[in-house]
Protein backbone atom coordinates (compact mmCIF):
# COMPACT_ATOMS: atom_id res chain seq x y z
CA UNK A 1 0.01 0.00 -0.02
CA UNK A 2 1.35 3.42 -0.98
CA UNK A 3 1.61 5.99 1.83
CA UNK A 4 0.44 9.39 0.70
CA UNK A 5 0.49 12.85 2.25
CA UNK A 6 -1.52 15.92 1.29
CA UNK A 7 -0.16 19.22 2.51
CA UNK A 8 -1.40 22.83 2.51
CA UNK A 9 0.99 25.28 0.77
CA UNK A 10 1.00 28.99 1.33
CA UNK A 11 1.12 31.06 -1.90
CA UNK A 12 1.76 34.79 -2.00
CA UNK A 13 -0.47 35.54 -4.96
CA UNK A 14 0.67 39.12 -5.62
CA UNK A 15 4.31 38.21 -5.93
CA UNK A 16 5.89 36.37 -8.92
CA UNK A 17 7.90 34.13 -6.63
CA UNK A 18 5.20 33.79 -3.96
CA UNK A 19 4.76 30.04 -4.46
CA UNK A 20 8.44 29.40 -4.02
CA UNK A 21 9.12 31.93 -1.27
CA UNK A 22 6.48 31.14 1.39
CA UNK A 23 7.24 27.45 2.13
CA UNK A 24 10.97 28.21 2.45
CA UNK A 25 10.35 31.30 4.56
CA UNK A 26 7.99 29.55 6.97
CA UNK A 27 10.35 26.64 7.48
CA UNK A 28 13.19 29.08 8.20
CA UNK A 29 11.08 31.10 10.67
CA UNK A 30 10.12 27.96 12.54
CA UNK A 31 13.75 26.89 12.74
CA UNK A 32 14.86 30.31 14.02
CA UNK A 33 12.09 30.25 16.61
CA UNK A 34 13.28 26.84 17.80
CA UNK A 35 17.04 27.50 17.77
CA UNK A 36 17.40 31.23 18.43
CA UNK A 37 20.09 31.40 15.77
CA UNK A 38 20.08 31.92 12.07
CA UNK A 39 23.18 29.70 11.60
CA UNK A 40 21.61 26.87 13.53
CA UNK A 41 18.26 27.40 11.75
CA UNK A 42 20.00 27.10 8.36
CA UNK A 43 21.69 23.93 9.48
CA UNK A 44 18.32 22.54 10.55
CA UNK A 45 16.67 23.33 7.24
CA UNK A 46 19.64 22.14 5.20
CA UNK A 47 20.31 25.61 3.66
CA UNK A 48 23.49 27.66 3.53
CA UNK A 49 23.75 30.75 5.81
CA UNK A 50 23.95 32.91 2.71
CA UNK A 51 20.77 31.34 1.37
CA UNK A 52 18.94 31.92 4.64
CA UNK A 53 19.87 35.60 4.65
CA UNK A 54 18.68 35.82 1.07
CA UNK A 55 15.25 34.40 1.97
CA UNK A 56 14.89 36.88 4.86
CA UNK A 57 16.04 39.82 2.73
CA UNK A 58 13.54 38.92 -0.02
CA UNK A 59 10.74 38.50 2.57
CA UNK A 60 11.52 41.91 4.03
CA UNK A 61 11.30 43.52 0.60
CA UNK A 62 7.96 41.79 -0.02
CA UNK A 63 6.27 42.62 3.30
CA UNK A 64 7.94 45.87 3.94
CA UNK A 65 9.00 45.00 7.51
CA UNK A 66 11.75 42.87 9.01
CA UNK A 67 10.85 39.33 10.12
CA UNK A 68 13.93 38.68 12.21
CA UNK A 69 16.02 40.70 14.64
CA UNK A 70 19.64 39.58 14.61
CA UNK A 71 22.48 40.98 16.74
CA UNK A 72 26.01 39.68 16.45
CA UNK A 73 26.83 37.52 19.43
CA UNK A 74 23.19 37.46 20.67
CA UNK A 75 21.51 35.17 18.19
CA UNK A 76 18.30 35.83 16.26
CA UNK A 77 14.67 36.32 17.31
CA UNK A 78 11.50 36.80 15.33
CA UNK A 79 9.93 40.24 15.17
CA UNK A 80 6.30 40.69 16.13
CA UNK A 81 5.38 40.34 12.40
CA UNK A 82 7.53 37.23 12.04
CA UNK A 83 5.88 35.66 15.12
CA UNK A 84 2.41 36.45 13.73
CA UNK A 85 3.27 34.88 10.35
CA UNK A 86 4.73 31.76 11.95
CA UNK A 87 1.88 31.20 14.41
CA UNK A 88 -0.68 31.78 11.66
CA UNK A 89 0.94 28.94 9.74
CA UNK A 90 0.96 26.66 12.81
CA UNK A 91 -2.64 27.44 13.64
CA UNK A 92 -3.82 26.71 10.10
CA UNK A 93 -1.73 23.57 9.93
CA UNK A 94 -3.26 22.30 13.22
CA UNK A 95 -6.76 23.09 11.97
CA UNK A 96 -6.34 21.42 8.61
CA UNK A 97 -4.26 18.44 9.68
CA UNK A 98 -7.15 16.05 10.53
CA UNK A 99 -8.94 16.89 7.30
CA UNK A 100 -5.80 16.41 5.16
CA UNK A 101 -4.89 13.20 7.02
CA UNK A 102 -8.41 11.90 6.37
CA UNK A 103 -8.26 12.79 2.68
CA UNK A 104 -4.88 11.12 2.21
CA UNK A 105 -6.10 8.04 4.09
CA UNK A 106 -9.22 7.90 1.91
CA UNK A 107 -7.12 8.11 -1.22
CA UNK A 108 -4.76 5.42 0.00
CA UNK A 109 -7.73 3.17 0.71
CA UNK A 110 -9.20 3.77 -2.77
CA UNK A 111 -5.92 2.81 -4.42
CA UNK A 112 -5.62 -0.28 -2.17
CA UNK A 113 -9.14 -1.49 -3.03
CA UNK A 114 -8.39 -1.03 -6.75
CA UNK A 115 -5.33 -3.23 -6.52
CA UNK A 116 -5.85 -6.86 -7.67
CA UNK A 117 -3.71 -7.95 -4.70
CA UNK A 118 -5.73 -6.13 -2.06
CA UNK A 119 -6.43 -7.96 1.14
CA UNK A 120 -8.95 -5.37 2.35
CA UNK A 121 -8.79 -2.12 4.22
CA UNK A 122 -9.30 -1.49 7.95
CA UNK A 123 -11.93 1.27 8.31
CA UNK A 124 -11.48 3.43 11.41
CA UNK A 125 -13.58 6.43 12.52
CA UNK A 126 -12.23 8.04 15.69
CA UNK A 127 -12.10 11.10 17.88
CA UNK A 128 -8.95 12.94 17.02
CA UNK A 129 -5.99 11.98 19.24
CA UNK A 130 -2.20 12.12 18.94
CA UNK A 131 -2.14 8.39 19.71
CA UNK A 132 -4.48 7.69 16.76
CA UNK A 133 -2.29 9.60 14.37
CA UNK A 134 0.71 7.69 15.62
CA UNK A 135 -1.19 4.38 15.25
CA UNK A 136 -2.03 5.18 11.64
CA UNK A 137 1.61 5.89 10.88
CA UNK A 138 2.75 2.62 12.51
CA UNK A 139 0.16 0.69 10.58
CA UNK A 140 1.35 2.23 7.30
CA UNK A 141 4.94 1.22 8.18
CA UNK A 142 3.76 -2.38 8.55
CA UNK A 143 1.89 -2.11 5.24
CA UNK A 144 -1.48 -2.54 6.88
CA UNK A 145 -4.09 -0.63 4.83
CA UNK A 146 -6.19 1.67 6.97
CA UNK A 147 -8.80 4.30 6.16
CA UNK A 148 -8.94 6.72 9.10
CA UNK A 149 -11.57 9.52 9.43
CA UNK A 150 -11.61 11.89 12.38
CA UNK A 151 -14.93 12.76 13.97
CA UNK A 152 -16.23 13.41 17.50
CA UNK A 153 -16.65 10.53 19.85
CA UNK A 154 -20.43 10.50 19.48
CA UNK A 155 -20.23 10.46 15.70
CA UNK A 156 -17.56 7.75 15.74
CA UNK A 157 -19.72 5.43 17.90
CA UNK A 158 -22.87 6.14 15.81
CA UNK A 159 -20.92 5.32 12.64
CA UNK A 160 -19.71 2.06 14.16
CA UNK A 161 -23.29 1.19 15.20
CA UNK A 162 -24.43 1.70 11.61
CA UNK A 163 -21.65 -0.46 10.16
CA UNK A 164 -19.69 2.38 8.57
CA UNK A 165 -16.39 1.30 10.11
CA UNK A 166 -14.58 -1.69 11.61
CA UNK A 167 -13.22 0.13 14.63
CA UNK A 168 -14.32 3.28 16.48
CA UNK A 169 -12.15 5.44 18.69
CA UNK A 170 -13.61 7.38 21.65
CA UNK A 171 -12.61 8.62 25.08
CA UNK A 172 -14.22 8.38 28.55
CA UNK A 173 -13.24 10.31 31.69
CA UNK A 174 -12.17 8.33 34.74
CA UNK A 175 -14.23 8.87 37.90
CA UNK A 176 -17.41 10.75 38.60
CA UNK A 177 -17.91 12.06 35.09
CA UNK A 178 -17.88 8.61 33.55
CA UNK A 179 -21.62 7.90 34.01
CA UNK A 180 -22.63 11.29 32.70
CA UNK A 181 -20.63 10.84 29.47
CA UNK A 182 -21.65 7.20 29.04
CA UNK A 183 -25.31 8.26 29.31
CA UNK A 184 -24.72 9.81 25.91
CA UNK A 185 -22.67 6.97 24.44
CA UNK A 186 -24.55 3.95 25.78
CA UNK A 187 -27.15 3.89 23.02
CA UNK A 188 -24.37 2.66 20.64
CA UNK A 189 -22.78 0.19 23.06
CA UNK A 190 -23.69 -3.55 23.07
CA UNK A 191 -21.71 -5.68 25.60
CA UNK A 192 -22.92 -8.88 23.94
CA UNK A 193 -21.46 -8.04 20.59
CA UNK A 194 -18.69 -5.53 21.29
CA UNK A 195 -15.42 -5.34 23.22
CA UNK A 196 -13.01 -2.55 24.08
CA UNK A 197 -9.36 -2.28 23.21
CA UNK A 198 -7.28 0.06 25.37
CA UNK A 199 -5.21 2.60 23.47
CA UNK A 200 -3.96 5.15 26.04
CA UNK A 201 -4.81 6.94 29.26
CA UNK A 202 -4.25 10.64 29.04
CA UNK A 203 -4.74 13.84 31.10
CA UNK A 204 -7.36 16.36 30.16
CA UNK A 205 -7.23 19.87 31.56
CA UNK A 206 -7.03 23.59 30.86
CA UNK A 207 -4.37 24.56 28.35
CA UNK A 208 -3.08 28.04 29.21
CA UNK A 209 -0.49 30.45 27.80
CA UNK A 210 3.10 29.86 28.80
CA UNK A 211 3.78 30.84 32.44
CA UNK A 212 -0.05 31.14 32.93
CA UNK A 213 -0.10 34.99 33.00
CA UNK A 214 -3.81 35.06 34.00
CA UNK A 215 -3.18 32.68 36.91
CA UNK A 216 -5.92 30.32 35.72
CA UNK A 217 -6.28 27.40 38.14
CA UNK A 218 -9.94 26.35 37.78
CA UNK A 219 -12.91 26.44 35.42
CA UNK A 220 -14.37 29.26 37.42
CA UNK A 221 -11.43 31.41 36.30
CA UNK A 222 -12.53 31.13 32.71
CA UNK A 223 -15.46 33.48 33.45
CA UNK A 224 -13.13 36.22 34.74
CA UNK A 225 -13.07 39.54 32.90
CA UNK A 226 -10.24 39.69 30.37
CA UNK A 227 -9.84 35.88 29.93
CA UNK A 228 -10.34 34.73 26.34
CA UNK A 229 -11.43 31.11 25.78
CA UNK A 230 -11.41 28.82 22.75
CA UNK A 231 -13.75 25.79 22.78
CA UNK A 232 -14.08 22.44 21.03
CA UNK A 233 -16.93 21.80 18.63
CA UNK A 234 -20.35 20.47 19.77
CA UNK A 235 -20.41 16.67 19.64
CA UNK A 236 -16.82 16.21 20.61
CA UNK A 237 -16.07 14.27 23.75
CA UNK A 238 -14.05 17.22 25.17
CA UNK A 239 -16.94 19.62 24.66
CA UNK A 240 -19.26 17.14 26.40
CA UNK A 241 -16.87 16.93 29.37
CA UNK A 242 -16.54 20.73 29.59
CA UNK A 243 -20.28 21.22 29.65
CA UNK A 244 -20.69 18.72 32.47
CA UNK A 245 -17.83 20.31 34.44
CA UNK A 246 -19.24 23.81 34.02
CA UNK A 247 -22.69 22.65 35.19
CA UNK A 248 -21.10 20.96 38.21
CA UNK A 249 -19.14 24.15 39.08
CA UNK A 250 -22.16 26.40 38.47
CA UNK A 251 -20.46 28.40 35.72
CA UNK A 252 -22.83 29.61 33.02
CA UNK A 253 -21.29 29.22 29.50
CA UNK A 254 -22.58 32.67 28.53
CA UNK A 255 -20.16 34.17 31.08
CA UNK A 256 -17.15 32.71 29.27
CA UNK A 257 -15.81 34.96 26.54
CA UNK A 258 -15.13 32.76 23.53
CA UNK A 259 -17.32 29.80 24.54
CA UNK A 260 -18.85 29.81 21.04
CA UNK A 261 -15.49 30.08 19.27
CA UNK A 262 -14.45 26.55 18.30
CA UNK A 263 -11.56 24.53 16.95
CA UNK A 264 -11.71 20.85 15.96
CA UNK A 265 -8.61 19.29 17.51
CA UNK A 266 -6.51 19.51 20.70
CA UNK A 267 -3.54 20.69 18.58
CA UNK A 268 -5.66 23.49 17.02
CA UNK A 269 -6.71 24.63 20.55
CA UNK A 270 -3.07 24.72 21.62
CA UNK A 271 -1.93 26.55 18.48
CA UNK A 272 -4.74 29.12 18.89
CA UNK A 273 -3.52 29.83 22.49
CA UNK A 274 0.18 29.81 21.53
CA UNK A 275 -0.49 32.39 18.79
CA UNK A 276 -1.90 34.77 21.42
CA UNK A 277 -5.52 34.67 20.17
CA UNK A 278 -6.86 33.08 23.32
CA UNK A 279 -5.74 32.56 26.90
CA UNK A 280 -7.19 29.15 27.68
CA UNK A 281 -8.99 26.08 26.29
CA UNK A 282 -9.79 22.56 27.37
CA UNK A 283 -7.49 19.96 25.90
CA UNK A 284 -5.00 17.16 26.51
CA UNK A 285 -1.62 17.59 28.09
CA UNK A 286 0.22 16.28 24.97
CA UNK A 287 -1.01 19.33 22.95
CA UNK A 288 0.11 21.75 25.64
CA UNK A 289 3.61 20.17 25.82
CA UNK A 290 4.06 20.18 22.06
CA UNK A 291 3.37 23.94 21.92
CA UNK A 292 5.33 24.76 25.13
CA UNK A 293 2.24 25.97 26.97
CA UNK A 294 1.01 25.71 30.53
CA UNK A 295 -1.38 22.99 31.63
CA UNK A 296 -3.82 22.82 34.57
CA UNK A 297 -4.83 19.08 34.96
CA UNK A 298 -8.51 18.34 35.71
CA UNK A 299 -8.93 14.58 35.12
CA UNK A 300 -7.61 11.43 33.58
CA UNK A 301 -9.47 9.82 30.70
CA UNK A 302 -9.11 6.58 28.78
CA UNK A 303 -9.12 6.34 25.07
CA UNK A 304 -10.62 3.11 23.68
CA UNK A 305 -11.11 1.44 20.37
CA UNK A 306 -14.50 -0.32 20.01
CA UNK A 307 -14.51 -3.51 18.00
CA UNK A 308 -16.94 -6.32 17.23
CA UNK A 309 -16.36 -9.42 19.29
CA UNK A 310 -16.57 -11.66 16.20
CA UNK A 311 -13.88 -9.64 14.38
CA UNK A 312 -11.10 -10.17 16.95
CA UNK A 313 -9.66 -13.12 15.06
CA UNK A 314 -9.85 -11.56 11.64
CA UNK A 315 -6.43 -11.00 9.98
CA UNK A 316 -6.85 -7.25 9.92
CA UNK A 317 -7.76 -6.88 13.63
CA UNK A 318 -5.03 -9.30 14.68
CA UNK A 319 -2.45 -7.22 12.77
CA UNK A 320 -3.85 -4.07 14.41
CA UNK A 321 -3.49 -5.60 17.89
CA UNK A 322 0.04 -6.76 17.13
CA UNK A 323 1.10 -3.17 16.30
CA UNK A 324 -0.60 -1.77 19.44
CA UNK A 325 1.13 -4.32 21.67
CA UNK A 326 4.57 -3.82 20.18
CA UNK A 327 7.30 -2.23 22.35
CA UNK A 328 8.18 0.18 19.58
CA UNK A 329 4.66 1.67 19.40
CA UNK A 330 4.27 1.92 23.18
CA UNK A 331 7.65 3.59 23.53
CA UNK A 332 6.66 6.12 20.89
CA UNK A 333 3.45 6.99 22.77
CA UNK A 334 5.43 7.66 25.94
CA UNK A 335 7.67 10.07 24.03
CA UNK A 336 4.64 12.12 23.04
CA UNK A 337 4.28 13.20 26.76
CA UNK A 338 1.14 13.04 28.78
CA UNK A 339 0.12 9.52 27.58
CA UNK A 340 0.17 6.29 29.55
CA UNK A 341 0.47 3.31 27.20
CA UNK A 342 0.70 0.63 29.89
CA UNK A 343 -2.54 -1.12 28.87
CA UNK A 344 -2.28 -0.47 25.14
CA UNK A 345 -3.66 -3.37 23.13
CA UNK A 346 -5.43 -4.99 26.07
CA UNK A 347 -8.94 -6.31 25.28
CA UNK A 348 -11.59 -5.86 27.93
CA UNK A 349 -15.28 -6.36 28.32
CA UNK A 350 -17.39 -3.17 28.38
CA UNK A 351 -18.76 -3.99 31.83
CA UNK A 352 -15.25 -4.68 33.25
CA UNK A 353 -13.71 -1.55 31.81
CA UNK A 354 -16.63 0.85 32.49
CA UNK A 355 -18.03 0.47 36.04
CA UNK A 356 -20.88 2.87 35.54
CA UNK A 357 -21.96 1.04 32.38
CA UNK A 358 -21.97 -2.25 34.28
CA UNK A 359 -24.16 -0.70 36.94
CA UNK A 360 -26.70 0.45 34.38
CA UNK A 361 -26.55 -2.71 32.31
CA UNK A 362 -26.07 -5.74 34.52
CA UNK A 363 -25.74 -9.14 32.81
CA UNK A 364 -29.07 -10.79 32.11
CA UNK A 365 -29.88 -13.63 34.48
CA UNK A 366 -30.47 -17.00 32.88
CA UNK A 367 -33.84 -18.49 33.35
CA UNK A 368 -33.92 -21.49 35.65
CA UNK A 369 -34.03 -24.88 34.00
CA UNK A 370 -37.55 -26.27 34.78
CA UNK A 371 -36.22 -29.79 34.42
């Protein structure tokens, strides 16, 4: 199976070299931001120092303002305009990434199905997660065809119920919020026909700007004057958790500035905050760490894959489980930060994994044998 990637490319339409300039410029700005040095940035991008200066000089002529401040012996830093340009790119990339991943996965699956040697494609619909993206990459390395589409947890479970996928990915909070969230999910769960496969346990909390300048320590702080919030979309598991938490704390959503402003992934939430357009948002620790932001933990949650019991011994699911249980994959998840992969690949009954589900759906008692 061919592994494809679809990428968004910035084009400066009013400049004759705009299509060539922008990708090189953005890569260079990102490297300068990470290294604090033009020389080190050029080494990171594989360009000569002279070439790097040429790109910056051309960009200054195009935009009319410098993008980098450089002082001999003190390294290089991005100007306010350079920062704005870089974070705009990161924010758009985070926003488009799930869509582009889904499109490339869909195209890969179409090509696989058209091949006379095709052995089938594993169809996955899942809530967006860093662990799911990693799993897709590991499956591709093992030449396991997979078609992955990202949707909210509720949509993923509904799609599984209607037979639109072979595996559905969703997350459930640990503790007192579990029964509230499962009350929404349980219509699509069938303990007689389905089982759960553990992927990761992760921490969900409030992502805040670096050094937490607004001193946000609780959900109540989101309603303070001057705090700008960015939310997840309705139907996502994170939005469902937030609404339950706000109700428990007695915080009215209308009091939160930005409650109706939404992004569709944890990475997009983090990029939005890192770019300075918001001060806080609910998301996973992994996203906060990747964007060097602050994080206020609120709860742990488990991310599961839902599968049909009768599919566990199919070649495709067995290969999926082998990847999930491999040391290489588990080690990669740990490096993402904020993820516990200790139970990755473990199969468990719904009633055993979800105590509140078991309480609401006890096993049916067998009728006594009259004989």
